[in-house]
């Protein structure tokens, strides 16, 4: 049985939706956790979280753990994979959008350097988006205003429980 360890300080219901659909899941608000054999780590930072600092805590967790995570799934903002322009990013994330993109890019690079299986899920801001989502590869443009929370939780659940997106960065946007 795979246990999903959800790291989140979010105030929406994304972490709860993932945990409700998981047979075994635990939640924490920091990387100060003890990993068990076969754990999958799900990191759900918000757009303007200091992910460049937090990824150092993630690396320290991996270094000190007897059992490293089987996989790391990170929620990221759009813009980290040549998928949005600066105007779109400022519209979605505010005037400090580019700073947020750079910190997320750094965190993603650090996760890649851990040499563990990973999935980066790049998503538009959460909202009352269309009830269906479209998944796109790196470099494919993202469009829309927001992504539906329940649909994003389903994409994250797929990333956590299957190998479908392993070692990829996928974009999630509303489908038309």
N, C-alpha and C. Protein backbone atom coordinates (compact mmCIF):
# COMPACT_ATOMS: atom_id res chain seq x y z
N UNK A 1 0.84 -1.17 0.00
CA UNK A 1 0.00 0.00 0.00
C UNK A 1 0.89 1.24 0.00
N UNK A 2 0.64 2.13 -0.93
CA UNK A 2 1.40 3.37 -1.04
C UNK A 2 0.76 4.45 -0.18
N UNK A 3 1.58 5.05 0.66
CA UNK A 3 1.10 6.16 1.49
C UNK A 3 1.47 7.46 0.78
N UNK A 4 0.53 8.38 0.73
CA UNK A 4 0.77 9.69 0.14
C UNK A 4 0.96 10.68 1.28
N UNK A 5 2.10 11.37 1.26
CA UNK A 5 2.41 12.39 2.25
C UNK A 5 2.20 13.74 1.58
N UNK A 6 1.17 14.45 2.03
CA UNK A 6 0.80 15.73 1.43
C UNK A 6 1.39 16.86 2.27
N UNK A 7 2.24 17.68 1.64
CA UNK A 7 2.84 18.83 2.29
C UNK A 7 2.13 20.07 1.75
N UNK A 8 1.40 20.76 2.64
CA UNK A 8 0.60 21.89 2.17
C UNK A 8 0.28 22.84 3.31
N UNK A 9 0.30 24.12 2.98
CA UNK A 9 -0.18 25.18 3.88
C UNK A 9 -1.33 25.93 3.22
N UNK A 10 -1.94 25.31 2.24
CA UNK A 10 -3.01 25.94 1.49
C UNK A 10 -4.26 26.09 2.36
N UNK A 11 -5.10 27.05 1.97
CA UNK A 11 -6.36 27.26 2.68
C UNK A 11 -7.56 26.90 1.81
N UNK A 12 -7.30 26.25 0.69
CA UNK A 12 -8.39 25.76 -0.14
C UNK A 12 -8.60 24.28 0.18
N UNK A 13 -9.36 23.59 -0.64
CA UNK A 13 -9.65 22.19 -0.34
C UNK A 13 -8.84 21.19 -1.17
N UNK A 14 -7.81 21.65 -1.85
CA UNK A 14 -7.03 20.78 -2.73
C UNK A 14 -6.41 19.59 -1.98
N UNK A 15 -5.75 19.86 -0.87
CA UNK A 15 -5.13 18.77 -0.10
C UNK A 15 -6.19 17.80 0.40
N UNK A 16 -7.31 18.32 0.88
CA UNK A 16 -8.39 17.45 1.37
C UNK A 16 -8.93 16.56 0.25
N UNK A 17 -9.11 17.12 -0.94
CA UNK A 17 -9.62 16.33 -2.07
C UNK A 17 -8.67 15.18 -2.40
N UNK A 18 -7.37 15.44 -2.36
CA UNK A 18 -6.40 14.38 -2.65
C UNK A 18 -6.45 13.32 -1.57
N UNK A 19 -6.51 13.75 -0.33
CA UNK A 19 -6.51 12.80 0.78
C UNK A 19 -7.78 11.96 0.82
N UNK A 20 -8.91 12.55 0.46
CA UNK A 20 -10.18 11.81 0.44
C UNK A 20 -10.15 10.68 -0.58
N UNK A 21 -9.39 10.86 -1.64
CA UNK A 21 -9.33 9.85 -2.70
C UNK A 21 -8.13 8.92 -2.57
N UNK A 22 -7.47 8.95 -1.43
CA UNK A 22 -6.29 8.12 -1.22
C UNK A 22 -6.58 7.12 -0.11
N UNK A 23 -6.16 5.90 -0.34
CA UNK A 23 -6.37 4.85 0.66
C UNK A 23 -5.58 5.15 1.93
N UNK A 24 -4.36 5.59 1.76
CA UNK A 24 -3.50 5.92 2.90
C UNK A 24 -2.84 7.27 2.61
N UNK A 25 -3.14 8.26 3.45
CA UNK A 25 -2.56 9.58 3.25
C UNK A 25 -2.39 10.27 4.60
N UNK A 26 -1.36 11.07 4.67
CA UNK A 26 -1.12 11.91 5.84
C UNK A 26 -0.82 13.31 5.35
N UNK A 27 -1.11 14.29 6.20
CA UNK A 27 -0.88 15.68 5.84
C UNK A 27 0.09 16.31 6.82
N UNK A 28 0.90 17.22 6.30
CA UNK A 28 1.83 17.99 7.13
C UNK A 28 1.94 19.38 6.52
N UNK A 29 2.33 20.36 7.34
CA UNK A 29 2.48 21.71 6.81
C UNK A 29 3.94 22.09 6.61
N UNK A 30 4.84 21.09 6.77
CA UNK A 30 6.26 21.33 6.52
C UNK A 30 6.92 20.00 6.13
N UNK A 31 8.19 20.08 5.80
CA UNK A 31 8.93 18.87 5.44
C UNK A 31 9.52 18.18 6.66
N UNK A 32 9.07 18.53 7.83
CA UNK A 32 9.51 17.90 9.07
C UNK A 32 8.64 16.67 9.33
N UNK A 33 8.81 15.66 8.49
CA UNK A 33 8.04 14.42 8.57
C UNK A 33 9.00 13.23 8.51
N UNK A 34 8.49 12.08 8.91
CA UNK A 34 9.25 10.84 8.79
C UNK A 34 8.67 10.03 7.64
N UNK A 35 9.50 9.74 6.66
CA UNK A 35 9.04 8.98 5.51
C UNK A 35 9.14 7.49 5.78
N UNK A 36 8.21 6.74 5.21
CA UNK A 36 8.21 5.29 5.32
C UNK A 36 8.50 4.68 3.96
N UNK A 37 8.76 3.40 3.94
CA UNK A 37 9.05 2.70 2.69
C UNK A 37 7.90 2.90 1.70
N UNK A 38 8.23 3.33 0.49
CA UNK A 38 7.24 3.45 -0.57
C UNK A 38 6.40 4.72 -0.57
N UNK A 39 6.67 5.65 0.34
CA UNK A 39 5.89 6.88 0.38
C UNK A 39 6.03 7.68 -0.91
N UNK A 40 4.94 8.32 -1.28
CA UNK A 40 4.94 9.28 -2.38
C UNK A 40 4.69 10.64 -1.75
N UNK A 41 5.52 11.60 -2.11
CA UNK A 41 5.44 12.94 -1.53
C UNK A 41 4.70 13.86 -2.48
N UNK A 42 3.69 14.54 -1.97
CA UNK A 42 2.89 15.49 -2.75
C UNK A 42 3.06 16.87 -2.14
N UNK A 43 3.72 17.77 -2.85
CA UNK A 43 3.98 19.13 -2.36
C UNK A 43 3.06 20.09 -3.09
N UNK A 44 2.25 20.82 -2.31
CA UNK A 44 1.25 21.72 -2.88
C UNK A 44 1.49 23.18 -2.47
N UNK A 45 2.59 23.79 -2.91
CA UNK A 45 2.81 25.19 -2.56
C UNK A 45 1.83 26.10 -3.29
N UNK A 46 1.66 27.29 -2.74
CA UNK A 46 0.86 28.31 -3.40
C UNK A 46 1.78 29.13 -4.31
N UNK A 47 1.18 29.94 -5.17
CA UNK A 47 1.94 30.66 -6.19
C UNK A 47 3.07 31.50 -5.62
N UNK A 48 2.83 32.20 -4.54
CA UNK A 48 3.84 33.12 -4.03
C UNK A 48 4.58 32.60 -2.81
N UNK A 49 4.48 31.30 -2.54
CA UNK A 49 5.26 30.70 -1.45
C UNK A 49 6.75 30.77 -1.78
N UNK A 50 7.61 30.86 -0.78
CA UNK A 50 9.06 30.87 -1.02
C UNK A 50 9.57 29.45 -1.31
N UNK A 51 9.19 28.93 -2.46
CA UNK A 51 9.53 27.54 -2.80
C UNK A 51 11.03 27.33 -2.97
N UNK A 52 11.76 28.41 -3.27
CA UNK A 52 13.21 28.27 -3.40
C UNK A 52 13.83 27.93 -2.05
N UNK A 53 13.27 28.45 -0.97
CA UNK A 53 13.73 28.08 0.37
C UNK A 53 13.19 26.72 0.79
N UNK A 54 11.92 26.49 0.52
CA UNK A 54 11.29 25.24 0.94
C UNK A 54 11.92 24.02 0.27
N UNK A 55 12.37 24.17 -0.97
CA UNK A 55 12.97 23.02 -1.64
C UNK A 55 14.26 22.59 -0.95
N UNK A 56 14.92 23.51 -0.27
CA UNK A 56 16.10 23.14 0.52
C UNK A 56 15.70 22.21 1.67
N UNK A 57 14.53 22.48 2.27
CA UNK A 57 14.01 21.62 3.33
C UNK A 57 13.62 20.25 2.76
N UNK A 58 13.09 20.24 1.55
CA UNK A 58 12.77 18.98 0.89
C UNK A 58 14.04 18.16 0.66
N UNK A 59 15.09 18.82 0.17
CA UNK A 59 16.37 18.13 -0.07
C UNK A 59 16.93 17.59 1.24
N UNK A 60 16.81 18.35 2.31
CA UNK A 60 17.29 17.89 3.62
C UNK A 60 16.48 16.68 4.08
N UNK A 61 15.18 16.68 3.83
CA UNK A 61 14.34 15.53 4.17
C UNK A 61 14.81 14.28 3.43
N UNK A 62 15.06 14.41 2.15
CA UNK A 62 15.52 13.27 1.35
C UNK A 62 16.87 12.77 1.88
N UNK A 63 17.76 13.70 2.20
CA UNK A 63 19.10 13.33 2.70
C UNK A 63 19.05 12.60 4.03
N UNK A 64 18.16 13.03 4.92
CA UNK A 64 18.13 12.43 6.26
C UNK A 64 17.23 11.19 6.37
N UNK A 65 16.43 10.92 5.35
CA UNK A 65 15.47 9.82 5.41
C UNK A 65 16.14 8.49 5.12
N UNK A 66 15.80 7.52 5.93
CA UNK A 66 16.25 6.16 5.68
C UNK A 66 15.63 5.64 4.39
N UNK A 67 14.38 6.03 4.16
CA UNK A 67 13.65 5.63 2.95
C UNK A 67 13.26 6.89 2.18
N UNK A 68 13.94 7.18 1.07
CA UNK A 68 13.55 8.36 0.29
C UNK A 68 12.17 8.14 -0.33
N UNK A 69 11.51 9.22 -0.72
CA UNK A 69 10.20 9.04 -1.35
C UNK A 69 10.33 8.26 -2.66
N UNK A 70 9.33 7.48 -2.94
CA UNK A 70 9.29 6.71 -4.19
C UNK A 70 9.11 7.65 -5.39
N UNK A 71 8.41 8.77 -5.10
CA UNK A 71 8.17 9.76 -6.14
C UNK A 71 7.82 11.08 -5.45
N UNK A 72 8.14 12.19 -6.12
CA UNK A 72 7.76 13.52 -5.65
C UNK A 72 6.85 14.14 -6.71
N UNK A 73 5.70 14.61 -6.27
CA UNK A 73 4.78 15.33 -7.15
C UNK A 73 4.66 16.74 -6.60
N UNK A 74 5.00 17.72 -7.45
CA UNK A 74 4.96 19.12 -7.03
C UNK A 74 3.96 19.89 -7.87
N UNK A 75 3.09 20.63 -7.20
CA UNK A 75 2.22 21.57 -7.89
C UNK A 75 3.02 22.85 -8.13
N UNK A 76 2.99 23.34 -9.34
CA UNK A 76 3.73 24.56 -9.68
C UNK A 76 2.80 25.52 -10.42
N UNK A 77 3.27 26.72 -10.57
CA UNK A 77 2.51 27.71 -11.32
C UNK A 77 2.83 27.58 -12.81
N UNK A 78 1.97 28.15 -13.61
CA UNK A 78 2.24 28.23 -15.05
C UNK A 78 3.43 29.16 -15.24
N UNK A 79 4.09 29.03 -16.38
CA UNK A 79 5.18 29.93 -16.71
C UNK A 79 6.56 29.35 -16.52
N UNK A 80 6.65 28.20 -15.91
CA UNK A 80 7.96 27.61 -15.62
C UNK A 80 8.49 26.77 -16.77
N UNK A 81 7.70 26.58 -17.81
CA UNK A 81 8.12 25.73 -18.92
C UNK A 81 7.78 26.37 -20.27
N UNK A 82 8.06 27.67 -20.38
CA UNK A 82 7.79 28.39 -21.63
C UNK A 82 6.36 28.17 -22.11
N UNK A 83 5.41 28.28 -21.16
CA UNK A 83 4.02 28.00 -21.48
C UNK A 83 3.10 29.21 -21.33
N UNK A 84 3.67 30.37 -20.95
CA UNK A 84 2.87 31.58 -20.79
C UNK A 84 3.77 32.81 -20.93
N UNK A 85 3.18 33.91 -21.37
CA UNK A 85 3.97 35.14 -21.49
C UNK A 85 3.83 35.97 -20.22
N UNK A 86 4.65 37.02 -20.12
CA UNK A 86 4.70 37.83 -18.90
C UNK A 86 3.36 38.49 -18.59
N UNK A 87 2.64 38.94 -19.61
CA UNK A 87 1.33 39.56 -19.37
C UNK A 87 0.34 38.57 -18.77
N UNK A 88 0.32 37.35 -19.32
CA UNK A 88 -0.56 36.32 -18.75
C UNK A 88 -0.19 36.05 -17.30
N UNK A 89 1.11 35.91 -17.03
CA UNK A 89 1.56 35.59 -15.68
C UNK A 89 1.17 36.68 -14.69
N UNK A 90 1.33 37.94 -15.07
CA UNK A 90 0.95 39.04 -14.18
C UNK A 90 -0.56 39.06 -13.97
N UNK A 91 -1.31 38.72 -14.99
CA UNK A 91 -2.77 38.65 -14.85
C UNK A 91 -3.16 37.55 -13.85
N UNK A 92 -2.50 36.41 -13.95
CA UNK A 92 -2.83 35.27 -13.07
C UNK A 92 -2.30 35.44 -11.65
N UNK A 93 -1.06 35.94 -11.51
CA UNK A 93 -0.38 35.89 -10.22
C UNK A 93 0.00 37.24 -9.64
N UNK A 94 -0.31 38.33 -10.33
CA UNK A 94 -0.01 39.64 -9.79
C UNK A 94 1.32 40.19 -10.26
N UNK A 95 1.67 41.35 -9.73
CA UNK A 95 2.85 42.07 -10.24
C UNK A 95 4.17 41.37 -9.95
N UNK A 96 4.22 40.48 -8.98
CA UNK A 96 5.45 39.75 -8.66
C UNK A 96 5.50 38.37 -9.34
N UNK A 97 4.76 38.24 -10.40
CA UNK A 97 4.64 36.94 -11.07
C UNK A 97 5.98 36.39 -11.56
N UNK A 98 6.80 37.24 -12.13
CA UNK A 98 8.07 36.75 -12.67
C UNK A 98 8.98 36.24 -11.55
N UNK A 99 8.98 36.91 -10.42
CA UNK A 99 9.75 36.44 -9.27
C UNK A 99 9.26 35.05 -8.84
N UNK A 100 7.94 34.88 -8.82
CA UNK A 100 7.36 33.59 -8.46
C UNK A 100 7.77 32.51 -9.46
N UNK A 101 7.77 32.84 -10.74
CA UNK A 101 8.19 31.88 -11.77
C UNK A 101 9.63 31.45 -11.53
N UNK A 102 10.50 32.40 -11.26
CA UNK A 102 11.92 32.08 -11.07
C UNK A 102 12.12 31.18 -9.85
N UNK A 103 11.39 31.45 -8.77
CA UNK A 103 11.56 30.61 -7.58
C UNK A 103 11.01 29.20 -7.84
N UNK A 104 9.92 29.10 -8.57
CA UNK A 104 9.39 27.78 -8.91
C UNK A 104 10.34 27.04 -9.85
N UNK A 105 10.93 27.76 -10.81
CA UNK A 105 11.90 27.11 -11.71
C UNK A 105 13.08 26.55 -10.92
N UNK A 106 13.55 27.31 -9.95
CA UNK A 106 14.65 26.85 -9.11
C UNK A 106 14.26 25.59 -8.34
N UNK A 107 13.07 25.61 -7.75
CA UNK A 107 12.61 24.44 -6.98
C UNK A 107 12.49 23.21 -7.88
N UNK A 108 11.98 23.40 -9.08
CA UNK A 108 11.84 22.29 -10.02
C UNK A 108 13.21 21.73 -10.39
N UNK A 109 14.16 22.60 -10.65
CA UNK A 109 15.52 22.16 -10.98
C UNK A 109 16.12 21.36 -9.82
N UNK A 110 15.91 21.83 -8.61
CA UNK A 110 16.43 21.11 -7.43
C UNK A 110 15.78 19.72 -7.29
N UNK A 111 14.50 19.65 -7.55
CA UNK A 111 13.82 18.34 -7.49
C UNK A 111 14.39 17.41 -8.55
N UNK A 112 14.62 17.92 -9.74
CA UNK A 112 15.23 17.13 -10.80
C UNK A 112 16.61 16.62 -10.38
N UNK A 113 17.37 17.46 -9.69
CA UNK A 113 18.72 17.09 -9.24
C UNK A 113 18.71 16.00 -8.17
N UNK A 114 17.59 15.79 -7.50
CA UNK A 114 17.50 14.73 -6.48
C UNK A 114 17.58 13.34 -7.10
N UNK A 115 17.37 13.27 -8.40
CA UNK A 115 17.42 12.02 -9.15
C UNK A 115 16.46 10.97 -8.61
N UNK A 116 15.26 11.44 -8.26
CA UNK A 116 14.15 10.58 -7.87
C UNK A 116 13.05 10.77 -8.90
N UNK A 117 12.19 9.78 -9.08
CA UNK A 117 11.05 10.01 -9.97
C UNK A 117 10.23 11.21 -9.47
N UNK A 118 9.76 12.01 -10.40
CA UNK A 118 8.99 13.20 -10.03
C UNK A 118 7.96 13.50 -11.10
N UNK A 119 7.00 14.34 -10.73
CA UNK A 119 6.06 14.92 -11.68
C UNK A 119 5.84 16.36 -11.23
N UNK A 120 5.97 17.30 -12.16
CA UNK A 120 5.64 18.69 -11.89
C UNK A 120 4.31 18.95 -12.60
N UNK A 121 3.34 19.43 -11.84
CA UNK A 121 2.03 19.75 -12.39
C UNK A 121 1.89 21.27 -12.39
N UNK A 122 1.99 21.86 -13.57
CA UNK A 122 1.88 23.32 -13.74
C UNK A 122 0.42 23.66 -13.99
N UNK A 123 -0.14 24.50 -13.14
CA UNK A 123 -1.57 24.79 -13.27
C UNK A 123 -1.85 26.28 -13.18
N UNK A 124 -2.93 26.68 -13.84
CA UNK A 124 -3.45 28.03 -13.70
C UNK A 124 -3.97 28.19 -12.27
N UNK A 125 -4.24 29.41 -11.84
CA UNK A 125 -4.81 29.58 -10.49
C UNK A 125 -6.11 28.79 -10.34
N UNK A 126 -6.39 28.38 -9.11
CA UNK A 126 -7.64 27.66 -8.85
C UNK A 126 -8.82 28.62 -8.91
N UNK A 127 -9.94 28.11 -9.36
CA UNK A 127 -11.14 28.92 -9.43
C UNK A 127 -12.30 28.08 -9.88
N UNK A 128 -13.30 28.76 -10.40
CA UNK A 128 -14.50 28.08 -10.87
C UNK A 128 -14.36 27.73 -12.34
N UNK A 129 -13.16 27.32 -12.72
CA UNK A 129 -12.87 27.02 -14.12
C UNK A 129 -13.79 25.96 -14.69
N UNK A 130 -13.66 25.77 -15.96
CA UNK A 130 -14.46 24.77 -16.68
C UNK A 130 -14.37 23.43 -15.96
N UNK A 131 -15.42 22.64 -16.02
CA UNK A 131 -15.41 21.37 -15.30
C UNK A 131 -14.45 20.33 -15.88
N UNK A 132 -13.91 20.58 -17.04
CA UNK A 132 -12.96 19.65 -17.64
C UNK A 132 -11.63 20.35 -17.84
N UNK A 133 -10.56 19.56 -17.78
CA UNK A 133 -9.23 20.13 -17.98
C UNK A 133 -8.53 19.44 -19.14
N UNK A 134 -7.54 20.14 -19.65
CA UNK A 134 -6.70 19.63 -20.72
C UNK A 134 -5.28 19.58 -20.18
N UNK A 135 -4.55 18.51 -20.47
CA UNK A 135 -3.16 18.36 -20.04
C UNK A 135 -2.27 18.60 -21.24
N UNK A 136 -1.27 19.47 -21.06
CA UNK A 136 -0.36 19.81 -22.15
C UNK A 136 1.09 19.60 -21.72
N UNK A 137 1.95 19.36 -22.69
CA UNK A 137 3.37 19.14 -22.44
C UNK A 137 4.09 20.47 -22.24
N UNK A 138 5.37 20.37 -21.84
CA UNK A 138 6.22 21.56 -21.71
C UNK A 138 6.28 22.29 -23.04
N UNK A 139 6.32 23.60 -22.98
CA UNK A 139 6.43 24.41 -24.18
C UNK A 139 5.11 24.67 -24.87
N UNK A 140 4.07 23.93 -24.51
CA UNK A 140 2.74 24.16 -25.08
C UNK A 140 2.07 25.29 -24.30
N UNK A 141 1.46 26.25 -24.98
CA UNK A 141 0.88 27.40 -24.27
C UNK A 141 -0.31 27.01 -23.38
N UNK A 142 -0.36 27.66 -22.22
CA UNK A 142 -1.49 27.51 -21.32
C UNK A 142 -2.39 28.72 -21.49
N UNK A 143 -3.69 28.51 -21.43
CA UNK A 143 -4.65 29.60 -21.62
C UNK A 143 -5.84 29.38 -20.70
N UNK A 144 -6.57 30.45 -20.48
CA UNK A 144 -7.76 30.39 -19.64
C UNK A 144 -7.59 31.29 -18.43
N UNK A 145 -8.57 31.29 -17.58
CA UNK A 145 -8.54 32.13 -16.38
C UNK A 145 -8.17 31.34 -15.13
N UNK A 146 -8.72 30.14 -15.03
CA UNK A 146 -8.49 29.34 -13.83
C UNK A 146 -8.75 27.88 -14.15
N UNK A 147 -8.36 27.03 -13.21
CA UNK A 147 -8.58 25.60 -13.37
C UNK A 147 -9.46 25.15 -12.21
N UNK A 148 -10.35 24.24 -12.50
CA UNK A 148 -11.28 23.70 -11.52
C UNK A 148 -10.53 22.88 -10.47
N UNK A 149 -10.81 23.14 -9.21
CA UNK A 149 -10.10 22.50 -8.10
C UNK A 149 -10.27 20.98 -8.08
N UNK A 150 -11.49 20.53 -8.31
CA UNK A 150 -11.74 19.08 -8.30
C UNK A 150 -11.01 18.39 -9.44
N UNK A 151 -11.00 19.03 -10.60
CA UNK A 151 -10.31 18.44 -11.75
C UNK A 151 -8.80 18.43 -11.54
N UNK A 152 -8.26 19.49 -10.97
CA UNK A 152 -6.83 19.51 -10.68
C UNK A 152 -6.48 18.43 -9.67
N UNK A 153 -7.31 18.23 -8.67
CA UNK A 153 -7.08 17.16 -7.68
C UNK A 153 -7.04 15.80 -8.37
N UNK A 154 -7.89 15.59 -9.37
CA UNK A 154 -7.88 14.31 -10.10
C UNK A 154 -6.59 14.13 -10.88
N UNK A 155 -6.10 15.19 -11.51
CA UNK A 155 -4.83 15.11 -12.24
C UNK A 155 -3.70 14.79 -11.26
N UNK A 156 -3.67 15.48 -10.13
CA UNK A 156 -2.65 15.21 -9.12
C UNK A 156 -2.75 13.77 -8.62
N UNK A 157 -3.95 13.28 -8.42
CA UNK A 157 -4.16 11.90 -7.97
C UNK A 157 -3.58 10.91 -8.99
N UNK A 158 -3.79 11.17 -10.26
CA UNK A 158 -3.22 10.32 -11.31
C UNK A 158 -1.70 10.36 -11.26
N UNK A 159 -1.14 11.56 -11.09
CA UNK A 159 0.32 11.70 -11.00
C UNK A 159 0.87 10.96 -9.79
N UNK A 160 0.13 10.98 -8.69
CA UNK A 160 0.58 10.34 -7.45
C UNK A 160 0.49 8.82 -7.49
N UNK A 161 -0.50 8.29 -8.16
CA UNK A 161 -0.80 6.85 -8.06
C UNK A 161 -0.46 6.03 -9.29
N UNK A 162 -0.03 6.69 -10.36
CA UNK A 162 0.36 5.95 -11.57
C UNK A 162 1.72 6.44 -12.04
N UNK A 163 2.26 5.79 -13.04
CA UNK A 163 3.53 6.24 -13.62
C UNK A 163 3.29 6.99 -14.94
N UNK A 164 2.04 7.34 -15.22
CA UNK A 164 1.67 7.96 -16.48
C UNK A 164 2.48 9.22 -16.81
N UNK A 165 2.76 10.05 -15.81
CA UNK A 165 3.45 11.31 -16.05
C UNK A 165 4.85 11.35 -15.42
N UNK A 166 5.39 10.22 -15.01
CA UNK A 166 6.67 10.21 -14.31
C UNK A 166 7.76 10.93 -15.11
N UNK A 167 8.54 11.72 -14.37
CA UNK A 167 9.68 12.48 -14.90
C UNK A 167 9.27 13.46 -16.00
N UNK A 168 8.07 14.04 -15.81
CA UNK A 168 7.56 15.02 -16.75
C UNK A 168 7.06 16.25 -16.01
N UNK A 169 6.96 17.34 -16.75
CA UNK A 169 6.28 18.53 -16.30
C UNK A 169 5.06 18.67 -17.20
N UNK A 170 3.89 18.61 -16.59
CA UNK A 170 2.65 18.70 -17.37
C UNK A 170 1.90 19.97 -17.00
N UNK A 171 1.24 20.56 -17.97
CA UNK A 171 0.42 21.75 -17.75
C UNK A 171 -1.03 21.36 -17.68
N UNK A 172 -1.77 22.05 -16.81
CA UNK A 172 -3.20 21.79 -16.66
C UNK A 172 -3.95 23.10 -16.87
N UNK A 173 -4.89 23.07 -17.82
CA UNK A 173 -5.70 24.25 -18.12
C UNK A 173 -7.11 23.81 -18.44
N UNK A 174 -8.06 24.73 -18.42
CA UNK A 174 -9.43 24.34 -18.75
C UNK A 174 -9.53 23.93 -20.22
N UNK A 175 -10.34 22.92 -20.47
CA UNK A 175 -10.58 22.53 -21.87
C UNK A 175 -11.82 23.26 -22.36
N UNK A 176 -11.86 23.46 -23.63
CA UNK A 176 -12.99 24.23 -24.20
C UNK A 176 -14.13 23.34 -24.56
